[in-house]
């Protein structure tokens, strides 16, 4: 999986909010968002607004490890999450 949609929300025909995350060709993690609606004219002077947040490839492991630490308290919780999302893993014990 190289790209996911985090949210894609529409209200009426003129309001749209979307956020995606992807790993680009350099291995960087890129969040890109798009918002449009009449209310943006008051905030930014334009009907739509696009934005990007990029984390370099060499920093992704730091993000991953911190997210795992914040999200899971046990290995059982982590394995259940992997299974729920159809992510293969190996396990070993002795």
N, C-alpha and C. Protein backbone atom coordinates (compact mmCIF):
# COMPACT_ATOMS: atom_id res chain seq x y z
N UNK A 1 0.85 -1.17 0.00
CA UNK A 1 0.00 0.00 0.00
C UNK A 1 0.89 1.24 0.00
N UNK A 2 0.70 2.09 -0.97
CA UNK A 2 1.51 3.31 -1.08
C UNK A 2 0.73 4.58 -0.76
N UNK A 3 -0.62 4.50 -0.77
CA UNK A 3 -1.43 5.70 -0.54
C UNK A 3 -2.73 5.30 0.13
N UNK A 4 -3.15 6.12 1.12
CA UNK A 4 -4.43 5.90 1.79
C UNK A 4 -5.19 7.22 1.86
N UNK A 5 -6.49 7.10 1.90
CA UNK A 5 -7.35 8.26 2.14
C UNK A 5 -7.68 8.27 3.62
N UNK A 6 -7.33 9.32 4.30
CA UNK A 6 -7.62 9.45 5.72
C UNK A 6 -9.06 9.92 5.90
N UNK A 7 -9.46 10.92 5.14
CA UNK A 7 -10.87 11.30 5.10
C UNK A 7 -11.18 11.98 3.77
N UNK A 8 -12.43 11.89 3.40
CA UNK A 8 -12.95 12.53 2.19
C UNK A 8 -14.40 12.87 2.49
N UNK A 9 -14.64 14.12 2.80
CA UNK A 9 -15.94 14.56 3.29
C UNK A 9 -16.51 15.62 2.35
N UNK A 10 -17.74 15.44 1.98
CA UNK A 10 -18.44 16.42 1.15
C UNK A 10 -19.74 16.81 1.84
N UNK A 11 -20.02 18.11 1.76
CA UNK A 11 -21.31 18.61 2.25
C UNK A 11 -21.86 19.51 1.16
N UNK A 12 -22.99 19.09 0.64
CA UNK A 12 -23.57 19.83 -0.46
C UNK A 12 -22.71 19.70 -1.71
N UNK A 13 -22.91 20.59 -2.65
CA UNK A 13 -22.13 20.50 -3.88
C UNK A 13 -20.89 21.38 -3.87
N UNK A 14 -20.78 22.27 -2.88
CA UNK A 14 -19.68 23.23 -2.88
C UNK A 14 -18.66 23.06 -1.77
N UNK A 15 -18.89 22.16 -0.83
CA UNK A 15 -17.93 22.00 0.27
C UNK A 15 -17.30 20.62 0.20
N UNK A 16 -15.96 20.59 0.24
CA UNK A 16 -15.22 19.33 0.13
C UNK A 16 -13.96 19.42 0.98
N UNK A 17 -13.69 18.38 1.76
CA UNK A 17 -12.49 18.28 2.58
C UNK A 17 -11.89 16.89 2.35
N UNK A 18 -10.61 16.82 2.05
CA UNK A 18 -9.97 15.53 1.82
C UNK A 18 -8.55 15.56 2.36
N UNK A 19 -8.10 14.42 2.88
CA UNK A 19 -6.73 14.27 3.36
C UNK A 19 -6.24 12.89 2.99
N UNK A 20 -5.07 12.81 2.38
CA UNK A 20 -4.45 11.54 2.03
C UNK A 20 -3.05 11.47 2.61
N UNK A 21 -2.54 10.26 2.74
CA UNK A 21 -1.15 10.04 3.14
C UNK A 21 -0.57 9.06 2.14
N UNK A 22 0.64 9.32 1.70
CA UNK A 22 1.27 8.42 0.74
C UNK A 22 2.78 8.40 0.93
N UNK A 23 3.37 7.33 0.46
CA UNK A 23 4.83 7.24 0.38
C UNK A 23 5.18 7.58 -1.07
N UNK A 24 5.95 8.65 -1.26
CA UNK A 24 6.27 9.07 -2.62
C UNK A 24 7.45 8.29 -3.18
N UNK A 25 7.87 8.64 -4.40
CA UNK A 25 8.93 7.90 -5.09
C UNK A 25 10.28 7.99 -4.39
N UNK A 26 10.48 8.98 -3.52
CA UNK A 26 11.72 9.09 -2.75
C UNK A 26 11.64 8.37 -1.41
N UNK A 27 10.45 7.81 -1.10
CA UNK A 27 10.26 7.13 0.18
C UNK A 27 9.80 8.05 1.29
N UNK A 28 9.51 9.32 0.96
CA UNK A 28 9.03 10.27 1.95
C UNK A 28 7.55 10.02 2.23
N UNK A 29 7.11 10.36 3.43
CA UNK A 29 5.70 10.30 3.80
C UNK A 29 5.11 11.68 3.55
N UNK A 30 4.05 11.73 2.73
CA UNK A 30 3.45 13.00 2.36
C UNK A 30 1.96 13.00 2.71
N UNK A 31 1.57 13.94 3.55
CA UNK A 31 0.16 14.20 3.80
C UNK A 31 -0.23 15.32 2.85
N UNK A 32 -1.31 15.13 2.12
CA UNK A 32 -1.80 16.21 1.26
C UNK A 32 -3.28 16.40 1.51
N UNK A 33 -3.67 17.65 1.58
CA UNK A 33 -5.05 17.96 1.89
C UNK A 33 -5.63 18.96 0.93
N UNK A 34 -6.94 18.94 0.88
CA UNK A 34 -7.68 19.84 0.02
C UNK A 34 -8.97 20.23 0.72
N UNK A 35 -9.22 21.51 0.80
CA UNK A 35 -10.46 22.02 1.36
C UNK A 35 -11.04 23.03 0.38
N UNK A 36 -12.34 22.98 0.18
CA UNK A 36 -12.98 24.01 -0.62
C UNK A 36 -14.35 24.30 -0.04
N UNK A 37 -14.75 25.54 -0.19
CA UNK A 37 -16.04 25.97 0.32
C UNK A 37 -16.08 27.48 0.41
N UNK A 38 -17.26 28.01 0.46
CA UNK A 38 -17.44 29.46 0.52
C UNK A 38 -16.76 30.08 1.74
N UNK A 39 -16.76 29.36 2.87
CA UNK A 39 -16.19 29.91 4.10
C UNK A 39 -14.69 30.21 3.96
N UNK A 40 -14.02 29.52 3.03
CA UNK A 40 -12.58 29.75 2.85
C UNK A 40 -12.27 31.13 2.27
N UNK A 41 -13.23 31.69 1.55
CA UNK A 41 -13.01 33.03 0.99
C UNK A 41 -12.76 34.03 2.11
N UNK A 42 -13.47 33.87 3.24
CA UNK A 42 -13.27 34.77 4.38
C UNK A 42 -11.91 34.54 5.03
N UNK A 43 -11.47 33.29 5.08
CA UNK A 43 -10.21 32.96 5.74
C UNK A 43 -8.99 33.24 4.88
N UNK A 44 -9.04 32.82 3.61
CA UNK A 44 -7.86 32.87 2.75
C UNK A 44 -8.03 33.71 1.49
N UNK A 45 -9.24 34.21 1.27
CA UNK A 45 -9.46 35.02 0.08
C UNK A 45 -9.65 34.20 -1.18
N UNK A 46 -9.79 32.90 -1.06
CA UNK A 46 -9.98 32.02 -2.22
C UNK A 46 -10.95 30.92 -1.83
N UNK A 47 -11.56 30.32 -2.83
CA UNK A 47 -12.56 29.28 -2.63
C UNK A 47 -11.97 27.96 -2.17
N UNK A 48 -10.70 27.69 -2.53
CA UNK A 48 -10.09 26.42 -2.15
C UNK A 48 -8.70 26.62 -1.56
N UNK A 49 -8.24 25.57 -0.89
CA UNK A 49 -6.98 25.61 -0.16
C UNK A 49 -6.36 24.23 -0.23
N UNK A 50 -5.12 24.14 -0.68
CA UNK A 50 -4.40 22.86 -0.74
C UNK A 50 -3.16 22.97 0.14
N UNK A 51 -2.76 21.85 0.72
CA UNK A 51 -1.60 21.87 1.60
C UNK A 51 -0.91 20.50 1.60
N UNK A 52 0.39 20.53 1.93
CA UNK A 52 1.21 19.33 1.99
C UNK A 52 2.09 19.38 3.23
N UNK A 53 2.31 18.24 3.82
CA UNK A 53 3.23 18.08 4.93
C UNK A 53 4.09 16.87 4.59
N UNK A 54 5.41 17.05 4.54
CA UNK A 54 6.31 15.98 4.10
C UNK A 54 7.27 15.62 5.22
N UNK A 55 7.38 14.32 5.48
CA UNK A 55 8.35 13.78 6.43
C UNK A 55 9.35 12.97 5.62
N UNK A 56 10.60 13.31 5.74
CA UNK A 56 11.65 12.63 4.97
C UNK A 56 11.72 11.15 5.32
N UNK A 57 12.12 10.35 4.35
CA UNK A 57 12.17 8.90 4.49
C UNK A 57 12.97 8.47 5.73
N UNK A 58 14.07 9.17 6.01
CA UNK A 58 14.92 8.76 7.13
C UNK A 58 14.27 9.01 8.49
N UNK A 59 13.17 9.77 8.54
CA UNK A 59 12.49 10.05 9.80
C UNK A 59 11.24 9.21 10.01
N UNK A 60 10.84 8.43 9.02
CA UNK A 60 9.61 7.65 9.12
C UNK A 60 9.70 6.60 10.23
N UNK A 61 10.84 5.97 10.42
CA UNK A 61 10.95 4.95 11.47
C UNK A 61 10.72 5.56 12.86
N UNK A 62 11.17 6.79 13.08
CA UNK A 62 10.94 7.46 14.36
C UNK A 62 9.44 7.68 14.57
N UNK A 63 8.76 8.11 13.53
CA UNK A 63 7.31 8.31 13.62
C UNK A 63 6.62 6.98 13.90
N UNK A 64 6.99 5.96 13.15
CA UNK A 64 6.37 4.64 13.32
C UNK A 64 6.53 4.12 14.74
N UNK A 65 7.72 4.17 15.26
CA UNK A 65 7.96 3.65 16.61
C UNK A 65 7.19 4.45 17.66
N UNK A 66 7.14 5.75 17.51
CA UNK A 66 6.39 6.57 18.47
C UNK A 66 4.89 6.33 18.37
N UNK A 67 4.37 6.16 17.17
CA UNK A 67 2.95 5.85 17.02
C UNK A 67 2.60 4.50 17.65
N UNK A 68 3.45 3.51 17.46
CA UNK A 68 3.22 2.19 18.08
C UNK A 68 3.23 2.33 19.60
N UNK A 69 4.18 3.07 20.13
CA UNK A 69 4.27 3.27 21.58
C UNK A 69 3.01 3.94 22.13
N UNK A 70 2.49 4.93 21.41
CA UNK A 70 1.31 5.65 21.87
C UNK A 70 0.02 4.86 21.70
N UNK A 71 -0.02 3.98 20.71
CA UNK A 71 -1.26 3.29 20.36
C UNK A 71 -1.46 1.96 21.10
N UNK A 72 -0.38 1.24 21.36
CA UNK A 72 -0.49 -0.13 21.88
C UNK A 72 0.21 -0.28 23.23
N UNK A 73 -0.46 -1.01 24.11
CA UNK A 73 0.11 -1.26 25.44
C UNK A 73 0.68 -2.67 25.56
N UNK A 74 0.24 -3.58 24.68
CA UNK A 74 0.72 -4.97 24.73
C UNK A 74 0.95 -5.49 23.33
N UNK A 75 1.73 -6.56 23.25
CA UNK A 75 1.95 -7.19 21.95
C UNK A 75 0.66 -7.83 21.43
N UNK A 76 -0.21 -8.25 22.32
CA UNK A 76 -1.48 -8.85 21.91
C UNK A 76 -2.33 -7.80 21.17
N UNK A 77 -2.41 -6.60 21.72
CA UNK A 77 -3.14 -5.52 21.05
C UNK A 77 -2.55 -5.26 19.67
N UNK A 78 -1.24 -5.24 19.58
CA UNK A 78 -0.58 -4.98 18.31
C UNK A 78 -0.87 -6.09 17.31
N UNK A 79 -0.78 -7.35 17.73
CA UNK A 79 -1.08 -8.47 16.83
C UNK A 79 -2.54 -8.44 16.37
N UNK A 80 -3.45 -8.09 17.27
CA UNK A 80 -4.86 -8.00 16.88
C UNK A 80 -5.06 -6.91 15.82
N UNK A 81 -4.39 -5.81 15.99
CA UNK A 81 -4.48 -4.73 15.01
C UNK A 81 -3.92 -5.17 13.66
N UNK A 82 -2.78 -5.85 13.68
CA UNK A 82 -2.19 -6.36 12.44
C UNK A 82 -3.16 -7.30 11.72
N UNK A 83 -3.76 -8.20 12.48
CA UNK A 83 -4.70 -9.15 11.90
C UNK A 83 -5.93 -8.44 11.34
N UNK A 84 -6.46 -7.48 12.08
CA UNK A 84 -7.64 -6.73 11.64
C UNK A 84 -7.37 -6.02 10.32
N UNK A 85 -6.14 -5.59 10.11
CA UNK A 85 -5.77 -4.86 8.90
C UNK A 85 -5.08 -5.73 7.85
N UNK A 86 -5.16 -7.06 8.05
CA UNK A 86 -4.57 -8.02 7.09
C UNK A 86 -3.10 -7.74 6.79
N UNK A 87 -2.35 -7.46 7.84
CA UNK A 87 -0.92 -7.22 7.71
C UNK A 87 -0.19 -8.46 8.22
N UNK A 88 0.55 -9.12 7.35
CA UNK A 88 1.24 -10.35 7.77
C UNK A 88 2.37 -10.05 8.76
N UNK A 89 2.63 -11.01 9.63
CA UNK A 89 3.72 -10.89 10.58
C UNK A 89 4.22 -12.28 10.95
N UNK A 90 5.44 -12.33 11.44
CA UNK A 90 6.02 -13.57 11.96
C UNK A 90 6.13 -13.42 13.47
N UNK A 91 6.02 -14.52 14.16
CA UNK A 91 6.19 -14.49 15.61
C UNK A 91 7.05 -15.67 16.03
N UNK A 92 7.73 -15.51 17.15
CA UNK A 92 8.60 -16.56 17.67
C UNK A 92 8.64 -16.43 19.19
N UNK A 93 8.70 -17.54 19.86
CA UNK A 93 8.87 -17.53 21.31
C UNK A 93 9.62 -18.79 21.72
N UNK A 94 10.16 -18.77 22.90
CA UNK A 94 10.82 -19.97 23.44
C UNK A 94 10.73 -19.97 24.94
